[in-house]
Amino acid sequence: MARSTVRPNCETGTRTPLRTFLPTVDGIPIDSVYNPGAVVYDGSPPSTVHPVFVIAHGFTGDADRPHVRRVAEAFARHGAVVTFSFRGHGRSGGRSTVGDKEVLDLEAAVAWARSLGHPRVVTVGFSMGGSVVLRHAALHRGVDAVVSVSAPARWYYRGTVPMRRVHWLITRPEGRLLGRWGFRTRIHHRDWDPVPLSPTESVPRIAPAPLLIVHGDRDGYFPLDHPRMLAAAAGEHGELWLEPGMGHAEHAADDALLARIGDWAVARAG
């Protein structure tokens, strides 16, 4: 775990954001940012009042992308926030495995959040990150609530034009070259071996932690059978929000939706 300090800001009652690289258990440096949040506290430790949100971005995103920063700023109104870049994305090391080894990146960020004094952790993932938070909660456990937005229910889905383009980007040498230079995303050339636990298989293992599944009815990547499969697998421990007019992932999540998710997380993570 990286050594770090958080500097108090006596004028505003908040603390200064911190950036560092976190090592994963397989040795990948993960670019990570801690924002203590915008809430002014009355002298009690911030970590005992609000949870910390650990944000898992979508494929080709990273901690510096404007849409990821906007999401982080929205959740900072509800508590502290940790954002990070998955392996192969942005300034992080390694190469993307498109949802497999990324659970190790998320685990490093969650462990860092706890080391900063936050006893309650909420993971929030978008698209690829949405599948990662599901698998992480099933395999590593220990988080207090999970929010998965615009996530697939099953692997290798090619039923929409955008997903066929994603598979071309991942599987073709020229696609991976475009990913590196066009999207700042370095993609591993090897196939999964073994194939990781699917999102639907992961969901029943998350209980008793509460789970929120959010999906837009205009998602161009994954149609509505995906969130419905996840909700069915979750049973009474899951909650499904089908959002009218919403498209896909961070770009489509407006401030009002992010505020509702933040309220849900604060209420459930206690």
Protein backbone atom coordinates (compact mmCIF):
# COMPACT_ATOMS: atom_id res chain seq x y z
CA MET A 1 0.00 0.00 0.00
CA ALA A 2 1.30 3.43 -0.93
CA ARG A 3 2.22 5.74 1.93
CA SER A 4 0.24 8.98 1.85
CA THR A 5 -0.98 11.87 3.91
CA VAL A 6 -4.05 14.09 3.66
CA ARG A 7 -3.56 17.76 4.39
CA PRO A 8 -6.25 19.63 6.36
CA ASN A 9 -7.67 22.85 5.00
CA CYS A 10 -8.61 24.93 8.04
CA GLU A 11 -10.35 27.68 6.07
CA THR A 12 -12.95 25.49 4.35
CA GLY A 13 -13.27 22.58 6.74
CA THR A 14 -12.36 20.15 3.95
CA ARG A 15 -9.08 18.46 3.14
CA THR A 16 -6.86 18.70 0.09
CA PRO A 17 -7.17 15.99 -2.61
CA LEU A 18 -4.35 13.46 -2.79
CA ARG A 19 -2.93 11.60 -5.80
CA THR A 20 -0.72 8.54 -5.74
CA PHE A 21 0.05 5.25 -7.48
CA LEU A 22 -1.24 2.13 -5.73
CA PRO A 23 0.42 -1.25 -6.30
CA THR A 24 -1.89 -4.18 -7.03
CA VAL A 25 -1.14 -7.67 -5.77
CA ASP A 26 0.21 -8.54 -9.23
CA GLY A 27 2.46 -5.47 -9.28
CA ILE A 28 0.59 -3.02 -11.53
CA PRO A 29 0.81 0.67 -10.50
CA ILE A 30 -2.68 2.19 -10.46
CA ASP A 31 -3.05 5.97 -10.74
CA SER A 32 -5.47 6.96 -7.95
CA VAL A 33 -7.02 10.15 -6.59
CA TYR A 34 -8.59 10.75 -3.17
CA ASN A 35 -11.05 13.62 -2.71
CA PRO A 36 -12.18 14.03 0.92
CA GLY A 37 -15.47 15.55 -0.22
CA ALA A 38 -17.12 18.93 0.03
CA VAL A 39 -18.97 18.40 3.31
CA VAL A 40 -17.92 20.70 6.17
CA TYR A 41 -17.70 18.69 9.37
CA ASP A 42 -18.30 19.85 12.94
CA GLY A 43 -15.12 18.45 14.43
CA SER A 44 -15.99 14.76 14.20
CA PRO A 45 -13.89 12.63 11.84
CA PRO A 46 -15.34 12.79 8.31
CA SER A 47 -15.03 9.05 7.85
CA THR A 48 -17.61 8.38 10.59
CA VAL A 49 -20.24 10.64 9.02
CA HIS A 50 -20.32 9.70 5.33
CA PRO A 51 -19.10 6.76 3.25
CA VAL A 52 -16.29 6.84 0.74
CA PHE A 53 -17.31 6.22 -2.87
CA VAL A 54 -14.83 4.23 -4.98
CA ILE A 55 -15.57 4.92 -8.66
CA ALA A 56 -14.82 2.31 -11.34
CA HIS A 57 -14.91 3.92 -14.79
CA GLY A 58 -15.92 2.37 -18.10
CA PHE A 59 -13.68 0.98 -20.85
CA THR A 60 -11.39 3.66 -22.38
CA GLY A 61 -12.05 6.03 -19.46
CA ASP A 62 -9.54 7.15 -16.84
CA ALA A 63 -9.34 9.30 -13.73
CA ASP A 64 -8.68 12.47 -15.74
CA ARG A 65 -11.51 12.16 -18.25
CA PRO A 66 -14.05 15.00 -17.87
CA HIS A 67 -17.00 12.61 -17.57
CA VAL A 68 -15.25 10.67 -14.80
CA ARG A 69 -14.33 13.87 -12.97
CA ARG A 70 -17.96 15.05 -13.22
CA VAL A 71 -19.15 11.82 -11.61
CA ALA A 72 -16.55 12.16 -8.85
CA GLU A 73 -17.60 15.75 -8.14
CA ALA A 74 -21.24 14.69 -7.89
CA PHE A 75 -20.49 11.98 -5.33
CA ALA A 76 -18.18 14.30 -3.38
CA ARG A 77 -21.36 16.05 -2.23
CA HIS A 78 -22.29 12.85 -0.39
CA GLY A 79 -18.94 11.74 1.00
CA ALA A 80 -15.30 11.18 0.19
CA VAL A 81 -14.40 9.83 -3.26
CA VAL A 82 -11.62 7.65 -4.65
CA THR A 83 -11.19 7.58 -8.41
CA PHE A 84 -8.54 5.61 -10.26
CA SER A 85 -7.54 4.52 -13.74
CA PHE A 86 -7.83 0.83 -14.49
CA ARG A 87 -4.71 -0.95 -15.70
CA GLY A 88 -3.85 -0.01 -19.26
CA HIS A 89 -5.86 3.21 -18.98
CA GLY A 90 -4.49 6.73 -18.63
CA ARG A 91 -1.38 6.93 -16.43
CA SER A 92 -1.78 3.48 -14.84
CA GLY A 93 0.60 0.71 -15.77
CA GLY A 94 -0.06 -2.62 -17.42
CA ARG A 95 -2.57 -3.48 -20.12
CA SER A 96 -6.34 -3.74 -19.96
CA THR A 97 -7.86 -7.20 -19.61
CA VAL A 98 -11.33 -5.69 -20.17
CA GLY A 99 -12.82 -6.65 -16.80
CA ASP A 100 -10.81 -9.66 -15.65
CA LYS A 101 -7.72 -8.59 -13.65
CA GLU A 102 -9.34 -5.19 -13.08
CA VAL A 103 -10.87 -6.56 -9.87
CA LEU A 104 -7.34 -6.35 -8.43
CA ASP A 105 -7.18 -2.66 -9.34
CA LEU A 106 -10.49 -2.03 -7.58
CA GLU A 107 -9.36 -4.00 -4.53
CA ALA A 108 -6.23 -1.81 -4.26
CA ALA A 109 -8.42 1.32 -4.36
CA VAL A 110 -10.86 -0.06 -1.76
CA ALA A 111 -8.00 -1.03 0.56
CA TRP A 112 -6.54 2.48 0.18
CA ALA A 113 -9.90 4.05 1.04
CA ARG A 114 -10.08 1.98 4.22
CA SER A 115 -6.47 2.84 5.12
CA LEU A 116 -7.46 6.53 5.02
CA GLY A 117 -9.90 5.90 7.87
CA HIS A 118 -13.19 5.19 6.09
CA PRO A 119 -15.08 2.29 7.69
CA ARG A 120 -17.89 2.38 5.09
CA VAL A 121 -17.08 1.84 1.41
CA VAL A 122 -19.46 2.03 -1.56
CA THR A 123 -18.25 0.86 -4.97
CA VAL A 124 -19.87 2.46 -8.02
CA GLY A 125 -19.06 1.12 -11.48
CA PHE A 126 -20.03 2.10 -15.01
CA SER A 127 -20.22 -0.28 -18.00
CA MET A 128 -17.00 -2.36 -17.77
CA GLY A 129 -16.53 -0.89 -14.31
CA GLY A 130 -20.09 -1.97 -13.51
CA SER A 131 -19.15 -5.59 -14.18
CA VAL A 132 -15.95 -5.17 -12.16
CA VAL A 133 -17.74 -3.92 -9.02
CA LEU A 134 -20.06 -6.95 -9.21
CA ARG A 135 -17.21 -9.44 -9.52
CA HIS A 136 -15.14 -7.63 -6.89
CA ALA A 137 -17.97 -7.71 -4.34
CA ALA A 138 -18.51 -11.42 -5.02
CA LEU A 139 -14.83 -12.43 -4.88
CA HIS A 140 -13.33 -10.03 -2.32
CA ARG A 141 -16.42 -9.02 -0.37
CA GLY A 142 -16.14 -6.50 2.47
CA VAL A 143 -17.80 -3.49 0.79
CA ASP A 144 -20.90 -1.95 2.35
CA ALA A 145 -22.93 -1.28 -0.81
CA VAL A 146 -22.53 -1.78 -4.56
CA VAL A 147 -23.89 0.27 -7.47
CA SER A 148 -23.59 -1.09 -11.01
CA VAL A 149 -24.56 1.25 -13.87
CA SER A 150 -24.99 0.15 -17.52
CA ALA A 151 -23.26 -3.19 -16.91
CA PRO A 152 -23.43 -6.32 -19.07
CA ALA A 153 -24.99 -9.44 -17.62
CA ARG A 154 -22.93 -11.88 -19.69
CA TRP A 155 -19.62 -11.98 -21.51
CA TYR A 156 -18.90 -11.88 -25.27
CA TYR A 157 -22.11 -10.01 -26.07
CA ARG A 158 -22.12 -8.78 -29.70
CA GLY A 159 -25.82 -8.11 -30.21
CA THR A 160 -25.51 -4.36 -30.86
CA VAL A 161 -23.42 -2.36 -33.30
CA PRO A 162 -21.49 -0.52 -30.53
CA MET A 163 -20.53 -3.83 -28.91
CA ARG A 164 -19.36 -5.26 -32.23
CA ARG A 165 -17.12 -2.21 -32.54
CA VAL A 166 -15.80 -2.77 -29.01
CA HIS A 167 -14.97 -6.39 -29.84
CA TRP A 168 -13.12 -5.27 -32.97
CA LEU A 169 -11.12 -2.82 -30.84
CA ILE A 170 -10.21 -5.59 -28.38
CA THR A 171 -9.54 -8.54 -30.66
CA ARG A 172 -7.87 -7.04 -33.74
CA PRO A 173 -4.27 -5.77 -33.82
CA GLU A 174 -5.36 -2.64 -35.67
CA GLY A 175 -8.13 -2.15 -33.10
CA ARG A 176 -5.67 -2.35 -30.21
CA LEU A 177 -3.44 0.14 -32.01
CA LEU A 178 -6.39 2.53 -32.27
CA GLY A 179 -7.12 1.95 -28.59
CA ARG A 180 -3.56 2.91 -27.64
CA TRP A 181 -3.27 6.07 -29.73
CA GLY A 182 -6.89 7.15 -30.02
CA PHE A 183 -8.25 6.33 -26.55
CA ARG A 184 -5.12 6.18 -24.32
CA THR A 185 -6.02 2.55 -23.61
CA ARG A 186 -3.47 -0.26 -23.88
CA ILE A 187 -5.30 -3.55 -24.40
CA HIS A 188 -3.84 -6.98 -23.71
CA HIS A 189 -3.68 -9.28 -26.73
CA ARG A 190 -4.31 -12.54 -24.82
CA ASP A 191 -7.73 -14.16 -24.50
CA TRP A 192 -9.18 -14.82 -21.05
CA ASP A 193 -7.89 -18.10 -19.58
CA PRO A 194 -9.81 -19.07 -17.56
CA VAL A 195 -12.96 -17.09 -18.41
CA PRO A 196 -13.81 -15.02 -15.31
CA LEU A 197 -16.98 -15.40 -13.29
CA SER A 198 -19.75 -13.64 -15.21
CA PRO A 199 -21.66 -10.65 -13.77
CA THR A 200 -24.85 -12.74 -13.44
CA GLU A 201 -22.96 -15.52 -11.65
CA SER A 202 -21.36 -12.93 -9.37
CA VAL A 203 -24.52 -11.17 -8.22
CA PRO A 204 -25.89 -13.86 -5.84
CA ARG A 205 -22.57 -13.87 -3.97
CA ILE A 206 -22.76 -10.16 -3.09
CA ALA A 207 -25.44 -10.55 -0.39
CA PRO A 208 -25.90 -9.37 2.30
CA ALA A 209 -24.40 -6.13 0.92
CA PRO A 210 -27.16 -4.09 -0.79
CA LEU A 211 -26.93 -3.83 -4.57
CA LEU A 212 -28.34 -1.18 -6.90
CA ILE A 213 -28.53 -1.90 -10.64
CA VAL A 214 -29.08 1.17 -12.85
CA HIS A 215 -29.72 0.98 -16.58
CA GLY A 216 -31.08 3.28 -19.26
CA ASP A 217 -33.90 2.21 -21.53
CA ARG A 218 -31.99 3.78 -24.46
CA ASP A 219 -28.68 2.08 -23.76
CA GLY A 220 -27.14 1.43 -27.17
CA TYR A 221 -24.65 -1.16 -25.88
CA PHE A 222 -26.64 -3.51 -23.65
CA PRO A 223 -30.44 -3.90 -24.02
CA LEU A 224 -32.80 -4.29 -21.08
CA ASP A 225 -32.48 -8.05 -20.78
CA HIS A 226 -29.04 -7.43 -19.21
CA PRO A 227 -30.18 -5.44 -16.14
CA ARG A 228 -33.23 -7.69 -15.76
CA MET A 229 -31.00 -10.78 -15.66
CA LEU A 230 -28.81 -9.14 -13.02
CA ALA A 231 -31.81 -8.10 -10.92
CA ALA A 232 -33.31 -11.58 -11.11
CA ALA A 233 -30.01 -13.08 -9.95
CA ALA A 234 -29.82 -10.59 -7.06
CA GLY A 235 -33.27 -11.41 -5.71
CA GLU A 236 -34.32 -9.55 -2.57
CA HIS A 237 -30.82 -8.10 -2.05
CA GLY A 238 -30.93 -6.16 -5.31
CA GLU A 239 -32.80 -3.09 -6.50
CA LEU A 240 -33.32 -2.22 -10.18
CA TRP A 241 -33.74 1.30 -11.57
CA LEU A 242 -34.68 1.44 -15.26
CA GLU A 243 -34.11 5.05 -16.25
CA PRO A 244 -36.37 6.48 -19.01
CA GLY A 245 -34.45 8.19 -21.81
CA MET A 246 -31.02 7.31 -20.42
CA GLY A 247 -28.25 6.08 -22.69
CA HIS A 248 -25.01 4.39 -21.65
CA ALA A 249 -22.77 4.80 -18.59
CA GLU A 250 -21.10 7.98 -17.27
CA HIS A 251 -21.91 10.17 -20.26
CA ALA A 252 -25.63 9.44 -19.87
CA ALA A 253 -25.86 9.70 -16.07
CA ASP A 254 -27.10 13.23 -15.36
CA ASP A 255 -26.55 15.12 -12.13
CA ALA A 256 -30.05 14.32 -10.83
CA LEU A 257 -29.47 10.57 -11.25
CA LEU A 258 -26.05 10.77 -9.60
CA ALA A 259 -27.62 12.65 -6.67
CA ARG A 260 -30.25 9.91 -6.28
CA ILE A 261 -27.56 7.23 -6.37
CA GLY A 262 -25.59 9.14 -3.73
CA ASP A 263 -28.65 9.38 -1.49
CA TRP A 264 -29.35 5.66 -1.93
CA ALA A 265 -25.76 4.76 -1.04
CA VAL A 266 -25.68 6.94 2.09
CA ALA A 267 -28.93 5.37 3.29
CA ARG A 268 -27.90 1.76 2.57
CA ALA A 269 -24.23 1.77 3.59
CA GLY A 270 -24.86 2.54 7.24
